[in-house]
């Protein structure tokens, strides 16, 4: 009896780790840091979730352009449908466009049918907005179910976690966002930031936009180059589910 109870507790712990830890391998691999550099150049990647946002995203794109830097935008499908021109601009300016799903629901609580629909709706909204098929997927909050990663891969996307989050979504102030990011950034870091709000289409992300120019300057001063995520294209889906 005790051994059965212990096994049940252990299984629950493994399941919880897979569901709630953004980089857990339990439910499939997630890219959570950059590959080791082969040329000796230390690199970091900037990623932005929950956009686009009509105020913050253009400012972030302007700051990236001024610094000659590229980033990855994990776009929320329902926001892409609302502001398609911003997704198109990001793609046109050389940024990677990732899929963040459509509704911004916590996928560890959802069945395979819901997860499949959410990921494919997100992909379609991104394609309609920009003509780009997203090759990366990040689950909202990093929460995954046992089938999330495999469904994302069937939609042609590699699942991505992150190395460092600075809780910019809590709006601690632009200077604090910059300080946290520079304090934690190291070679191979994938940095999580937000250009939108997953629950409020007009949510305030001005502090992140304000922090970005000095953050980019600080990374450069520390010898950290800004790079895109490594492309590792999974096979394209052979069947595109109907709406």
Protein backbone atom coordinates (compact mmCIF):
# COMPACT_ATOMS: atom_id res chain seq x y z
CA UNK A 1 0.00 0.00 0.00
CA UNK A 2 2.75 2.42 0.96
CA UNK A 3 4.76 1.64 -2.16
CA UNK A 4 1.70 2.22 -4.33
CA UNK A 5 1.04 5.54 -2.62
CA UNK A 6 4.69 6.56 -3.04
CA UNK A 7 4.57 5.66 -6.72
CA UNK A 8 1.41 7.73 -7.13
CA UNK A 9 3.01 10.73 -5.44
CA UNK A 10 6.12 10.35 -7.60
CA UNK A 11 4.02 10.15 -10.76
CA UNK A 12 2.08 13.25 -9.74
CA UNK A 13 5.36 15.08 -9.17
CA UNK A 14 6.65 14.14 -12.61
CA UNK A 15 3.37 15.23 -14.21
CA UNK A 16 3.46 18.55 -12.36
CA UNK A 17 7.02 19.21 -13.46
CA UNK A 18 6.10 18.50 -17.06
CA UNK A 19 3.03 20.71 -16.91
CA UNK A 20 4.33 23.72 -15.02
CA UNK A 21 8.04 23.97 -15.68
CA UNK A 22 8.58 25.84 -18.91
CA UNK A 23 11.71 23.88 -19.88
CA UNK A 24 10.77 20.42 -18.60
CA UNK A 25 11.60 17.56 -20.98
CA UNK A 26 8.87 15.36 -19.48
CA UNK A 27 6.29 16.18 -22.17
CA UNK A 28 8.79 16.72 -24.97
CA UNK A 29 11.86 18.87 -25.59
CA UNK A 30 11.81 22.65 -25.34
CA UNK A 31 14.55 24.95 -26.59
CA UNK A 32 15.46 26.98 -23.50
CA UNK A 33 18.92 28.32 -24.28
CA UNK A 34 20.98 28.99 -27.37
CA UNK A 35 23.52 26.47 -28.65
CA UNK A 36 27.08 26.94 -27.47
CA UNK A 37 28.85 29.36 -29.83
CA UNK A 38 31.31 27.82 -32.24
CA UNK A 39 32.97 31.14 -33.10
CA UNK A 40 33.61 32.42 -29.59
CA UNK A 41 30.96 35.15 -29.85
CA UNK A 42 28.60 35.20 -26.82
CA UNK A 43 25.00 35.61 -27.91
CA UNK A 44 21.58 36.15 -26.37
CA UNK A 45 18.12 36.03 -27.93
CA UNK A 46 15.34 38.49 -27.19
CA UNK A 47 11.81 37.10 -27.33
CA UNK A 48 8.55 39.00 -26.93
CA UNK A 49 5.24 37.36 -26.00
CA UNK A 50 1.56 38.27 -26.25
CA UNK A 51 1.69 40.87 -29.00
CA UNK A 52 1.15 42.63 -31.14
CA UNK A 53 0.11 45.72 -29.22
CA UNK A 54 -0.72 48.96 -31.06
CA UNK A 55 1.41 51.11 -28.75
CA UNK A 56 4.30 48.98 -27.51
CA UNK A 57 5.06 46.85 -30.57
CA UNK A 58 5.87 49.75 -32.94
CA UNK A 59 8.17 51.30 -30.32
CA UNK A 60 9.91 47.98 -29.79
CA UNK A 61 10.34 47.50 -33.53
CA UNK A 62 11.76 51.03 -33.81
CA UNK A 63 14.26 50.36 -31.01
CA UNK A 64 15.38 47.08 -32.56
CA UNK A 65 15.82 48.76 -35.95
CA UNK A 66 17.86 51.58 -34.42
CA UNK A 67 20.19 49.05 -32.79
CA UNK A 68 20.38 46.78 -35.84
CA UNK A 69 19.04 43.93 -33.72
CA UNK A 70 16.55 41.16 -34.47
CA UNK A 71 14.17 39.38 -32.11
CA UNK A 72 11.53 36.68 -32.00
CA UNK A 73 7.90 37.68 -31.50
CA UNK A 74 5.60 34.98 -30.12
CA UNK A 75 2.40 36.34 -31.55
CA UNK A 76 -1.04 35.74 -30.10
CA UNK A 77 -3.44 34.81 -32.90
CA UNK A 78 -6.37 36.92 -31.77
CA UNK A 79 -4.10 39.97 -31.53
CA UNK A 80 -2.63 39.22 -34.96
CA UNK A 81 -6.15 39.19 -36.37
CA UNK A 82 -6.76 42.59 -34.80
CA UNK A 83 -3.47 44.25 -35.84
CA UNK A 84 -2.17 42.25 -38.82
CA UNK A 85 -0.08 45.13 -40.12
CA UNK A 86 2.18 44.95 -37.05
CA UNK A 87 2.84 41.23 -37.56
CA UNK A 88 3.56 41.93 -41.21
CA UNK A 89 5.96 44.74 -40.27
CA UNK A 90 7.87 42.55 -37.82
CA UNK A 91 8.27 39.82 -40.44
CA UNK A 92 9.22 42.32 -43.13
CA UNK A 93 11.94 43.79 -40.90
CA UNK A 94 13.61 40.41 -40.46
CA UNK A 95 12.28 39.28 -37.09
CA UNK A 96 11.20 35.73 -36.39
CA UNK A 97 7.48 35.19 -35.91
CA UNK A 98 6.55 32.48 -33.43
CA UNK A 99 3.14 31.06 -32.53
CA UNK A 100 1.76 31.73 -29.03
CA UNK A 101 -1.59 30.12 -29.74
CA UNK A 102 -4.80 31.99 -30.38
CA UNK A 103 -6.65 32.49 -27.09
CA UNK A 104 -3.86 32.59 -24.44
CA UNK A 105 -5.32 29.79 -22.35
CA UNK A 106 -3.30 27.60 -19.96
CA UNK A 107 -2.83 24.52 -22.10
CA UNK A 108 -1.94 22.10 -19.31
CA UNK A 109 -5.63 22.17 -18.38
CA UNK A 110 -6.88 21.47 -21.91
CA UNK A 111 -7.48 18.31 -23.89
CA UNK A 112 -5.80 17.42 -27.19
CA UNK A 113 -8.65 18.78 -29.30
CA UNK A 114 -8.53 22.20 -27.70
CA UNK A 115 -4.73 22.38 -27.87
CA UNK A 116 -4.76 21.37 -31.54
CA UNK A 117 -7.37 23.97 -32.42
CA UNK A 118 -5.61 26.73 -30.48
CA UNK A 119 -2.23 26.11 -32.08
CA UNK A 120 -3.64 25.83 -35.59
CA UNK A 121 -5.83 28.91 -35.19
CA UNK A 122 -2.75 30.80 -34.07
CA UNK A 123 -0.77 29.57 -37.05
CA UNK A 124 -3.50 30.55 -39.48
CA UNK A 125 -3.84 34.05 -38.00
CA UNK A 126 -0.09 34.59 -38.33
CA UNK A 127 -0.06 33.30 -41.90
CA UNK A 128 -3.01 35.51 -42.82
CA UNK A 129 -1.34 38.56 -41.28
CA UNK A 130 2.19 38.12 -42.57
CA UNK A 131 2.42 35.28 -45.06
CA UNK A 132 4.88 33.60 -42.68
CA UNK A 133 4.44 30.08 -41.31
CA UNK A 134 5.70 30.13 -37.71
CA UNK A 135 8.52 27.67 -37.00
CA UNK A 136 8.48 28.17 -33.23
CA UNK A 137 5.78 27.75 -30.60
CA UNK A 138 5.70 28.92 -27.00
CA UNK A 139 2.87 27.85 -24.71
CA UNK A 140 1.21 30.61 -22.66
CA UNK A 141 3.02 30.78 -19.30
CA UNK A 142 5.13 27.86 -20.53
CA UNK A 143 2.45 25.43 -19.28
CA UNK A 144 2.13 22.26 -21.36
CA UNK A 145 0.10 19.06 -21.37
CA UNK A 146 1.49 15.69 -22.50
CA UNK A 147 0.33 16.36 -26.08
CA UNK A 148 1.20 20.06 -26.51
CA UNK A 149 4.72 19.65 -27.92
CA UNK A 150 3.76 16.91 -30.37
CA UNK A 151 0.78 18.91 -31.64
CA UNK A 152 2.98 21.99 -32.08
CA UNK A 153 5.45 19.90 -34.04
CA UNK A 154 2.65 18.57 -36.24
CA UNK A 155 1.93 22.23 -37.05
CA UNK A 156 5.56 22.69 -38.09
CA UNK A 157 6.80 24.41 -34.94
CA UNK A 158 9.56 23.74 -32.43
CA UNK A 159 8.59 24.33 -28.80
CA UNK A 160 10.53 27.08 -27.03
CA UNK A 161 10.90 27.90 -23.34
CA UNK A 162 13.22 30.54 -21.94
CA UNK A 163 16.31 30.98 -19.81
CA UNK A 164 15.50 34.26 -18.10
CA UNK A 165 12.24 36.05 -17.38
CA UNK A 166 12.28 39.47 -15.73
CA UNK A 167 8.56 39.85 -14.96
CA UNK A 168 8.26 42.95 -17.10
CA UNK A 169 4.54 42.12 -17.36
CA UNK A 170 4.11 43.30 -13.74
CA UNK A 171 5.33 46.76 -14.81
CA UNK A 172 8.09 47.27 -12.21
CA UNK A 173 9.45 50.30 -14.09
CA UNK A 174 11.62 50.59 -17.19
CA UNK A 175 14.85 50.94 -15.22
CA UNK A 176 14.08 47.84 -13.15
CA UNK A 177 13.30 45.82 -16.28
CA UNK A 178 16.65 46.86 -17.74
CA UNK A 179 18.48 46.12 -14.50
CA UNK A 180 16.98 42.64 -14.11
CA UNK A 181 17.70 41.72 -17.72
CA UNK A 182 21.31 42.89 -17.65
CA UNK A 183 21.93 41.29 -14.26
CA UNK A 184 20.74 37.90 -15.49
CA UNK A 185 21.82 37.82 -19.13
CA UNK A 186 24.66 35.47 -20.01
CA UNK A 187 25.91 33.89 -23.19
CA UNK A 188 23.21 31.54 -24.58
CA UNK A 189 20.37 33.25 -22.67
CA UNK A 190 16.89 33.30 -24.20
CA UNK A 191 15.28 36.34 -22.59
CA UNK A 192 11.51 36.53 -22.14
CA UNK A 193 9.91 39.96 -22.51
CA UNK A 194 6.40 41.09 -23.44
CA UNK A 195 5.18 43.45 -26.14
CA UNK A 196 1.53 42.67 -25.42
CA UNK A 197 -0.89 41.46 -22.77
CA UNK A 198 -2.40 38.01 -23.22
CA UNK A 199 -5.60 38.99 -21.40
CA UNK A 200 -6.08 42.61 -22.48
CA UNK A 201 -5.51 43.54 -26.14
CA UNK A 202 -4.75 47.13 -25.14
CA UNK A 203 -2.69 46.19 -22.06
CA UNK A 204 0.11 48.58 -21.11
CA UNK A 205 3.58 47.39 -22.14
CA UNK A 206 5.09 50.87 -22.44
CA UNK A 207 7.68 50.15 -19.74
CA UNK A 208 9.15 47.27 -21.74
CA UNK A 209 9.32 49.47 -24.83
CA UNK A 210 10.94 52.25 -22.81
CA UNK A 211 13.53 49.88 -21.33
CA UNK A 212 14.59 48.32 -24.61
CA UNK A 213 17.02 50.93 -26.04
CA UNK A 214 19.13 51.02 -22.88
CA UNK A 215 18.86 47.25 -22.51
CA UNK A 216 20.22 46.75 -26.01
CA UNK A 217 23.02 49.22 -25.31
CA UNK A 218 23.83 47.42 -22.07
CA UNK A 219 24.04 44.04 -23.77
CA UNK A 220 26.38 45.46 -26.39
CA UNK A 221 28.55 47.04 -23.69
CA UNK A 222 28.88 43.62 -22.06
CA UNK A 223 29.96 42.04 -25.33
CA UNK A 224 26.72 40.13 -25.80
CA UNK A 225 25.51 39.94 -29.39
CA UNK A 226 21.76 39.67 -30.05
CA UNK A 227 20.84 36.69 -32.22
CA UNK A 228 17.75 34.95 -33.51
CA UNK A 229 16.70 31.51 -32.32
CA UNK A 230 18.37 28.64 -34.19
CA UNK A 231 16.31 27.35 -37.06
CA UNK A 232 15.66 23.63 -36.89
CA UNK A 233 12.75 23.12 -39.16
CA UNK A 234 10.52 20.20 -38.29
CA UNK A 235 8.77 18.54 -41.19
CA UNK A 236 5.81 20.55 -42.42
CA UNK A 237 2.41 19.24 -41.46
CA UNK A 238 1.01 17.15 -44.27
CA UNK A 239 -2.57 17.86 -43.26
CA UNK A 240 -3.94 21.23 -42.37
CA UNK A 241 -7.02 20.66 -40.19
CA UNK A 242 -10.21 22.34 -41.32
CA UNK A 243 -11.59 25.20 -39.30
